[in-house]
Amino acid sequence: MMGQAQVSKMLGQWNTFDDKTGDMRSTVNIYEENGTYQCVITTLYEKDANGKFQVMKAPYPKGFEGVVGTQLFSEMKVDGDQLKGRVYDPESQKTYHGKVTYKEKTDELILRGSLDKAGLLGRSQTWKRKK
């Protein structure tokens, strides 16, 4: 039952960050539906002239059209204290093996996307809970 308790803490809204710059990119919403876990992009962010992050509003700049509403998870199910399934990367427009782990001490999610099921060939992102 420990696993299910950890997974329930993954539900809700999370801010995502650019791997290279560390800039806030989006807010996503993780929810459970019919026994699988879904994750949809709800908001995109951009820097204003003062370097502060603000919500990107439609019409979106080229390359960002259609990103809000994108489903990031598919076939994502509880596996111990993690979620495992498939994760879509809107930037590369490819789907990878995915694993999500909740870090209780920092209230963060670690999302690992990889080419292989073992998770060796890939990269990780840290998502912070939206305040």
N, C-alpha and C. Protein backbone atom coordinates (compact mmCIF):
# COMPACT_ATOMS: atom_id res chain seq x y z
N MET A 1 0.82 -1.21 0.00
CA MET A 1 0.00 0.00 0.00
C MET A 1 0.86 1.27 0.00
N MET A 2 2.11 1.12 0.42
CA MET A 2 3.04 2.25 0.43
C MET A 2 3.12 2.89 -0.95
N GLY A 3 3.18 2.05 -2.00
CA GLY A 3 3.28 2.55 -3.37
C GLY A 3 2.12 3.44 -3.74
N GLN A 4 0.91 3.01 -3.44
CA GLN A 4 -0.29 3.78 -3.80
C GLN A 4 -0.30 5.13 -3.08
N ALA A 5 0.18 5.17 -1.83
CA ALA A 5 0.24 6.44 -1.08
C ALA A 5 1.21 7.40 -1.76
N GLN A 6 2.37 6.91 -2.19
CA GLN A 6 3.35 7.74 -2.89
C GLN A 6 2.76 8.27 -4.19
N VAL A 7 2.11 7.40 -4.93
CA VAL A 7 1.55 7.78 -6.22
C VAL A 7 0.46 8.83 -6.05
N SER A 8 -0.36 8.72 -5.00
CA SER A 8 -1.43 9.71 -4.82
C SER A 8 -0.86 11.11 -4.61
N LYS A 9 0.38 11.21 -4.11
CA LYS A 9 1.02 12.51 -3.92
C LYS A 9 1.49 13.11 -5.24
N MET A 10 1.48 12.31 -6.30
CA MET A 10 1.89 12.80 -7.62
C MET A 10 0.77 13.54 -8.33
N LEU A 11 -0.46 13.35 -7.85
CA LEU A 11 -1.60 13.98 -8.51
C LEU A 11 -1.57 15.49 -8.29
N GLY A 12 -2.10 16.22 -9.26
CA GLY A 12 -2.20 17.68 -9.12
C GLY A 12 -1.36 18.40 -10.15
N GLN A 13 -1.09 19.68 -9.84
CA GLN A 13 -0.40 20.54 -10.80
C GLN A 13 1.08 20.68 -10.48
N TRP A 14 1.89 20.60 -11.53
CA TRP A 14 3.35 20.65 -11.42
C TRP A 14 3.91 21.61 -12.44
N ASN A 15 4.96 22.33 -12.07
CA ASN A 15 5.67 23.20 -13.01
C ASN A 15 6.84 22.41 -13.59
N THR A 16 7.01 22.53 -14.91
CA THR A 16 8.12 21.87 -15.60
C THR A 16 9.16 22.92 -15.97
N PHE A 17 10.39 22.45 -16.17
CA PHE A 17 11.51 23.37 -16.41
C PHE A 17 12.34 22.89 -17.58
N ASP A 18 12.91 23.83 -18.31
CA ASP A 18 13.79 23.52 -19.44
C ASP A 18 15.05 22.84 -18.93
N ASP A 19 15.42 21.72 -19.56
CA ASP A 19 16.61 20.96 -19.14
C ASP A 19 17.88 21.79 -19.21
N LYS A 20 18.00 22.61 -20.24
CA LYS A 20 19.25 23.33 -20.48
C LYS A 20 19.35 24.64 -19.71
N THR A 21 18.24 25.41 -19.70
CA THR A 21 18.29 26.76 -19.10
C THR A 21 17.77 26.79 -17.66
N GLY A 22 16.96 25.81 -17.28
CA GLY A 22 16.34 25.82 -15.97
C GLY A 22 15.11 26.72 -15.91
N ASP A 23 14.76 27.36 -17.04
CA ASP A 23 13.59 28.24 -17.10
C ASP A 23 12.30 27.44 -16.95
N MET A 24 11.31 28.05 -16.27
CA MET A 24 10.00 27.42 -16.16
C MET A 24 9.38 27.38 -17.55
N ARG A 25 8.86 26.20 -17.95
CA ARG A 25 8.29 26.04 -19.29
C ARG A 25 6.78 25.94 -19.29
N SER A 26 6.26 25.12 -18.34
CA SER A 26 4.82 24.86 -18.39
C SER A 26 4.30 24.42 -17.04
N THR A 27 2.97 24.39 -16.94
CA THR A 27 2.29 23.73 -15.83
C THR A 27 1.55 22.54 -16.43
N VAL A 28 1.65 21.41 -15.76
CA VAL A 28 0.95 20.20 -16.18
C VAL A 28 0.04 19.75 -15.05
N ASN A 29 -1.00 18.99 -15.40
CA ASN A 29 -1.92 18.43 -14.43
C ASN A 29 -1.88 16.92 -14.54
N ILE A 30 -1.56 16.25 -13.43
CA ILE A 30 -1.55 14.79 -13.38
C ILE A 30 -2.81 14.32 -12.67
N TYR A 31 -3.52 13.39 -13.30
CA TYR A 31 -4.75 12.86 -12.72
C TYR A 31 -4.90 11.39 -13.09
N GLU A 32 -5.76 10.70 -12.32
CA GLU A 32 -6.01 9.29 -12.55
C GLU A 32 -7.33 9.16 -13.29
N GLU A 33 -7.35 8.28 -14.30
CA GLU A 33 -8.58 8.08 -15.07
C GLU A 33 -8.64 6.62 -15.51
N ASN A 34 -9.65 5.91 -15.06
CA ASN A 34 -9.86 4.51 -15.45
C ASN A 34 -8.63 3.64 -15.20
N GLY A 35 -7.95 3.84 -14.07
CA GLY A 35 -6.84 2.98 -13.69
C GLY A 35 -5.49 3.35 -14.30
N THR A 36 -5.45 4.38 -15.13
CA THR A 36 -4.17 4.85 -15.65
C THR A 36 -3.98 6.31 -15.26
N TYR A 37 -2.76 6.76 -15.33
CA TYR A 37 -2.44 8.13 -14.94
C TYR A 37 -2.16 8.97 -16.18
N GLN A 38 -2.80 10.12 -16.21
CA GLN A 38 -2.71 11.03 -17.34
C GLN A 38 -1.97 12.29 -16.92
N CYS A 39 -1.37 12.97 -17.89
CA CYS A 39 -0.69 14.23 -17.62
C CYS A 39 -0.90 15.12 -18.83
N VAL A 40 -1.51 16.28 -18.62
CA VAL A 40 -1.82 17.19 -19.72
C VAL A 40 -1.18 18.55 -19.45
N ILE A 41 -0.67 19.18 -20.50
CA ILE A 41 -0.10 20.53 -20.38
C ILE A 41 -1.26 21.51 -20.30
N THR A 42 -1.28 22.33 -19.23
CA THR A 42 -2.38 23.28 -19.05
C THR A 42 -1.97 24.73 -19.32
N THR A 43 -0.68 25.05 -19.13
CA THR A 43 -0.21 26.44 -19.26
C THR A 43 1.22 26.44 -19.78
N LEU A 44 1.53 27.41 -20.64
CA LEU A 44 2.91 27.64 -21.07
C LEU A 44 3.37 28.98 -20.52
N TYR A 45 4.68 29.12 -20.31
CA TYR A 45 5.24 30.36 -19.77
C TYR A 45 6.32 30.91 -20.71
N GLU A 46 6.48 32.23 -20.64
CA GLU A 46 7.55 32.91 -21.35
C GLU A 46 8.07 34.04 -20.47
N LYS A 47 9.29 34.49 -20.75
CA LYS A 47 9.85 35.60 -19.98
C LYS A 47 9.38 36.91 -20.57
N ASP A 48 9.04 37.87 -19.70
CA ASP A 48 8.69 39.20 -20.18
C ASP A 48 9.97 40.03 -20.32
N ALA A 49 9.83 41.29 -20.66
CA ALA A 49 10.99 42.16 -20.90
C ALA A 49 11.88 42.30 -19.67
N ASN A 50 11.30 42.09 -18.47
CA ASN A 50 12.06 42.20 -17.22
C ASN A 50 12.63 40.87 -16.75
N GLY A 51 12.45 39.81 -17.56
CA GLY A 51 12.98 38.50 -17.20
C GLY A 51 12.10 37.72 -16.24
N LYS A 52 10.87 38.21 -15.98
CA LYS A 52 9.93 37.50 -15.12
C LYS A 52 9.06 36.58 -15.98
N PHE A 53 8.68 35.43 -15.41
CA PHE A 53 7.86 34.49 -16.16
C PHE A 53 6.41 34.91 -16.12
N GLN A 54 5.77 34.85 -17.29
CA GLN A 54 4.35 35.16 -17.39
C GLN A 54 3.69 34.10 -18.25
N VAL A 55 2.38 33.98 -18.12
CA VAL A 55 1.62 33.00 -18.89
C VAL A 55 1.65 33.42 -20.36
N MET A 56 1.98 32.46 -21.22
CA MET A 56 1.95 32.69 -22.67
C MET A 56 0.50 32.62 -23.10
N LYS A 57 0.05 33.62 -23.82
CA LYS A 57 -1.35 33.68 -24.23
C LYS A 57 -1.48 33.42 -25.73
N ALA A 58 -2.64 32.86 -26.12
CA ALA A 58 -2.93 32.64 -27.54
C ALA A 58 -3.16 34.01 -28.20
N PRO A 59 -2.85 34.17 -29.47
CA PRO A 59 -2.27 33.15 -30.34
C PRO A 59 -0.82 32.88 -29.95
N TYR A 60 -0.47 31.60 -29.90
CA TYR A 60 0.87 31.20 -29.46
C TYR A 60 1.88 31.42 -30.57
N PRO A 61 3.14 31.70 -30.18
CA PRO A 61 4.19 31.85 -31.19
C PRO A 61 4.40 30.56 -31.97
N LYS A 62 4.99 30.68 -33.14
CA LYS A 62 5.29 29.53 -34.00
C LYS A 62 6.04 28.47 -33.18
N GLY A 63 5.61 27.23 -33.33
CA GLY A 63 6.23 26.13 -32.60
C GLY A 63 5.52 25.79 -31.30
N PHE A 64 4.65 26.69 -30.83
CA PHE A 64 3.93 26.44 -29.57
C PHE A 64 2.44 26.22 -29.79
N GLU A 65 1.99 26.33 -31.05
CA GLU A 65 0.57 26.12 -31.32
C GLU A 65 0.21 24.68 -30.99
N GLY A 66 -0.92 24.48 -30.33
CA GLY A 66 -1.39 23.13 -30.05
C GLY A 66 -0.71 22.43 -28.88
N VAL A 67 0.25 23.08 -28.21
CA VAL A 67 0.95 22.43 -27.10
C VAL A 67 0.06 22.34 -25.86
N VAL A 68 -0.66 23.43 -25.55
CA VAL A 68 -1.58 23.39 -24.42
C VAL A 68 -2.66 22.35 -24.74
N GLY A 69 -2.89 21.43 -23.82
CA GLY A 69 -3.84 20.35 -24.03
C GLY A 69 -3.18 19.05 -24.45
N THR A 70 -1.87 19.08 -24.72
CA THR A 70 -1.14 17.88 -25.12
C THR A 70 -1.06 16.89 -23.96
N GLN A 71 -1.38 15.63 -24.25
CA GLN A 71 -1.25 14.54 -23.27
C GLN A 71 0.20 14.08 -23.27
N LEU A 72 0.84 14.06 -22.10
CA LEU A 72 2.23 13.63 -22.00
C LEU A 72 2.37 12.16 -21.62
N PHE A 73 1.40 11.61 -20.89
CA PHE A 73 1.48 10.22 -20.44
C PHE A 73 0.55 9.33 -21.24
N SER A 74 0.98 8.10 -21.49
CA SER A 74 0.09 7.06 -22.00
C SER A 74 0.49 5.73 -21.36
N GLU A 75 -0.50 4.90 -21.11
CA GLU A 75 -0.27 3.58 -20.50
C GLU A 75 0.49 3.70 -19.17
N MET A 76 0.37 4.82 -18.47
CA MET A 76 1.11 5.06 -17.23
C MET A 76 0.34 4.43 -16.07
N LYS A 77 1.00 3.46 -15.41
CA LYS A 77 0.37 2.72 -14.31
C LYS A 77 1.29 2.65 -13.11
N VAL A 78 0.69 2.35 -11.95
CA VAL A 78 1.45 2.21 -10.72
C VAL A 78 2.32 0.96 -10.82
N ASP A 79 3.60 1.12 -10.45
CA ASP A 79 4.55 0.02 -10.38
C ASP A 79 5.37 0.26 -9.11
N GLY A 80 4.99 -0.40 -8.02
CA GLY A 80 5.62 -0.14 -6.72
C GLY A 80 5.28 1.27 -6.27
N ASP A 81 6.31 2.10 -6.03
CA ASP A 81 6.04 3.48 -5.62
C ASP A 81 6.32 4.46 -6.77
N GLN A 82 6.28 3.95 -8.01
CA GLN A 82 6.50 4.78 -9.19
C GLN A 82 5.35 4.62 -10.16
N LEU A 83 5.31 5.51 -11.14
CA LEU A 83 4.46 5.33 -12.30
C LEU A 83 5.37 4.92 -13.45
N LYS A 84 4.93 3.94 -14.23
CA LYS A 84 5.70 3.53 -15.40
C LYS A 84 4.76 3.40 -16.59
N GLY A 85 5.26 3.79 -17.75
CA GLY A 85 4.47 3.70 -18.97
C GLY A 85 5.21 4.40 -20.09
N ARG A 86 4.48 5.23 -20.83
CA ARG A 86 5.06 5.95 -21.96
C ARG A 86 4.92 7.45 -21.71
N VAL A 87 5.92 8.21 -22.17
CA VAL A 87 5.90 9.66 -22.00
C VAL A 87 6.22 10.32 -23.35
N TYR A 88 5.41 11.32 -23.68
CA TYR A 88 5.56 12.04 -24.95
C TYR A 88 6.34 13.33 -24.71
N ASP A 89 7.31 13.59 -25.58
CA ASP A 89 8.10 14.82 -25.51
C ASP A 89 7.64 15.73 -26.64
N PRO A 90 6.92 16.83 -26.31
CA PRO A 90 6.40 17.71 -27.37
C PRO A 90 7.52 18.36 -28.20
N GLU A 91 8.69 18.54 -27.59
CA GLU A 91 9.79 19.19 -28.31
C GLU A 91 10.31 18.31 -29.44
N SER A 92 10.56 17.03 -29.14
CA SER A 92 11.07 16.11 -30.17
C SER A 92 9.93 15.45 -30.94
N GLN A 93 8.71 15.56 -30.40
CA GLN A 93 7.51 14.91 -30.94
C GLN A 93 7.68 13.40 -31.00
N LYS A 94 8.35 12.85 -29.98
CA LYS A 94 8.56 11.40 -29.89
C LYS A 94 8.05 10.90 -28.55
N THR A 95 7.73 9.61 -28.51
CA THR A 95 7.27 8.96 -27.28
C THR A 95 8.36 8.01 -26.79
N TYR A 96 8.58 8.03 -25.48
CA TYR A 96 9.65 7.25 -24.86
C TYR A 96 9.10 6.40 -23.73
N HIS A 97 9.91 5.43 -23.26
CA HIS A 97 9.59 4.73 -22.02
C HIS A 97 9.66 5.78 -20.91
N GLY A 98 8.70 5.76 -20.00
CA GLY A 98 8.67 6.78 -18.95
C GLY A 98 8.54 6.20 -17.56
N LYS A 99 9.12 6.91 -16.61
CA LYS A 99 9.06 6.52 -15.21
C LYS A 99 8.96 7.80 -14.39
N VAL A 100 8.05 7.83 -13.42
CA VAL A 100 7.87 9.00 -12.56
C VAL A 100 8.05 8.57 -11.11
N THR A 101 8.91 9.31 -10.40
CA THR A 101 9.20 9.03 -9.00
C THR A 101 8.92 10.28 -8.19
N TYR A 102 8.26 10.11 -7.03
CA TYR A 102 7.98 11.22 -6.14
C TYR A 102 9.07 11.32 -5.07
N LYS A 103 9.62 12.53 -4.88
CA LYS A 103 10.63 12.78 -3.85
C LYS A 103 9.96 13.52 -2.69
N GLU A 104 9.69 12.79 -1.62
CA GLU A 104 8.94 13.34 -0.48
C GLU A 104 9.65 14.52 0.18
N LYS A 105 10.97 14.42 0.39
CA LYS A 105 11.72 15.47 1.11
C LYS A 105 11.60 16.82 0.43
N THR A 106 11.59 16.83 -0.91
CA THR A 106 11.58 18.09 -1.65
C THR A 106 10.24 18.39 -2.32
N ASP A 107 9.27 17.45 -2.21
CA ASP A 107 7.97 17.57 -2.87
C ASP A 107 8.17 17.83 -4.37
N GLU A 108 9.00 16.98 -5.00
CA GLU A 108 9.29 17.09 -6.42
C GLU A 108 9.03 15.75 -7.11
N LEU A 109 8.81 15.83 -8.41
CA LEU A 109 8.71 14.63 -9.23
C LEU A 109 9.95 14.54 -10.10
N ILE A 110 10.45 13.33 -10.26
CA ILE A 110 11.54 13.08 -11.21
C ILE A 110 10.92 12.27 -12.34
N LEU A 111 10.91 12.86 -13.52
CA LEU A 111 10.40 12.19 -14.71
C LEU A 111 11.60 11.73 -15.52
N ARG A 112 11.64 10.44 -15.81
CA ARG A 112 12.74 9.87 -16.60
C ARG A 112 12.14 9.35 -17.90
N GLY A 113 12.63 9.86 -19.01
CA GLY A 113 12.24 9.38 -20.33
C GLY A 113 13.45 8.68 -20.94
N SER A 114 13.23 7.50 -21.52
CA SER A 114 14.38 6.77 -22.07
C SER A 114 13.99 5.96 -23.30
N LEU A 115 15.01 5.65 -24.09
CA LEU A 115 14.84 4.84 -25.29
C LEU A 115 14.63 3.38 -24.93
N ASP A 116 15.24 2.96 -23.82
CA ASP A 116 15.16 1.56 -23.39
C ASP A 116 14.30 1.44 -22.14
N LYS A 117 13.70 0.29 -21.96
CA LYS A 117 12.80 0.06 -20.82
C LYS A 117 13.51 0.14 -19.48
N ALA A 118 14.80 -0.20 -19.44
CA ALA A 118 15.57 -0.16 -18.19
C ALA A 118 15.87 1.28 -17.75
N GLY A 119 15.74 2.24 -18.67
CA GLY A 119 15.95 3.64 -18.30
C GLY A 119 17.40 4.09 -18.37
N LEU A 120 18.24 3.32 -19.04
CA LEU A 120 19.67 3.66 -19.11
C LEU A 120 19.95 4.76 -20.13
N LEU A 121 19.29 4.70 -21.29
CA LEU A 121 19.54 5.66 -22.37
C LEU A 121 18.45 6.71 -22.40
N GLY A 122 18.63 7.78 -21.62
CA GLY A 122 17.59 8.80 -21.56
C GLY A 122 18.02 9.98 -20.74
N ARG A 123 17.02 10.76 -20.33
CA ARG A 123 17.30 11.94 -19.51
C ARG A 123 16.16 12.13 -18.51
N SER A 124 16.49 12.86 -17.46
CA SER A 124 15.52 13.10 -16.39
C SER A 124 15.20 14.58 -16.29
N GLN A 125 14.00 14.86 -15.82
CA GLN A 125 13.57 16.23 -15.52
C GLN A 125 13.01 16.23 -14.11
N THR A 126 13.21 17.36 -13.42
CA THR A 126 12.61 17.55 -12.10
C THR A 126 11.45 18.52 -12.24
N TRP A 127 10.29 18.11 -11.76
CA TRP A 127 9.11 18.97 -11.76
C TRP A 127 8.82 19.38 -10.33
N LYS A 128 8.47 20.66 -10.14
CA LYS A 128 8.17 21.18 -8.81
C LYS A 128 6.66 21.45 -8.71
N ARG A 129 6.11 21.12 -7.51
CA ARG A 129 4.67 21.31 -7.32
C ARG A 129 4.31 22.78 -7.49
N LYS A 130 3.23 23.04 -8.21
CA LYS A 130 2.76 24.41 -8.40
C LYS A 130 2.19 24.91 -7.09
N LYS A 131 2.63 26.08 -6.67
CA LYS A 131 2.17 26.66 -5.40
C LYS A 131 0.90 27.47 -5.63
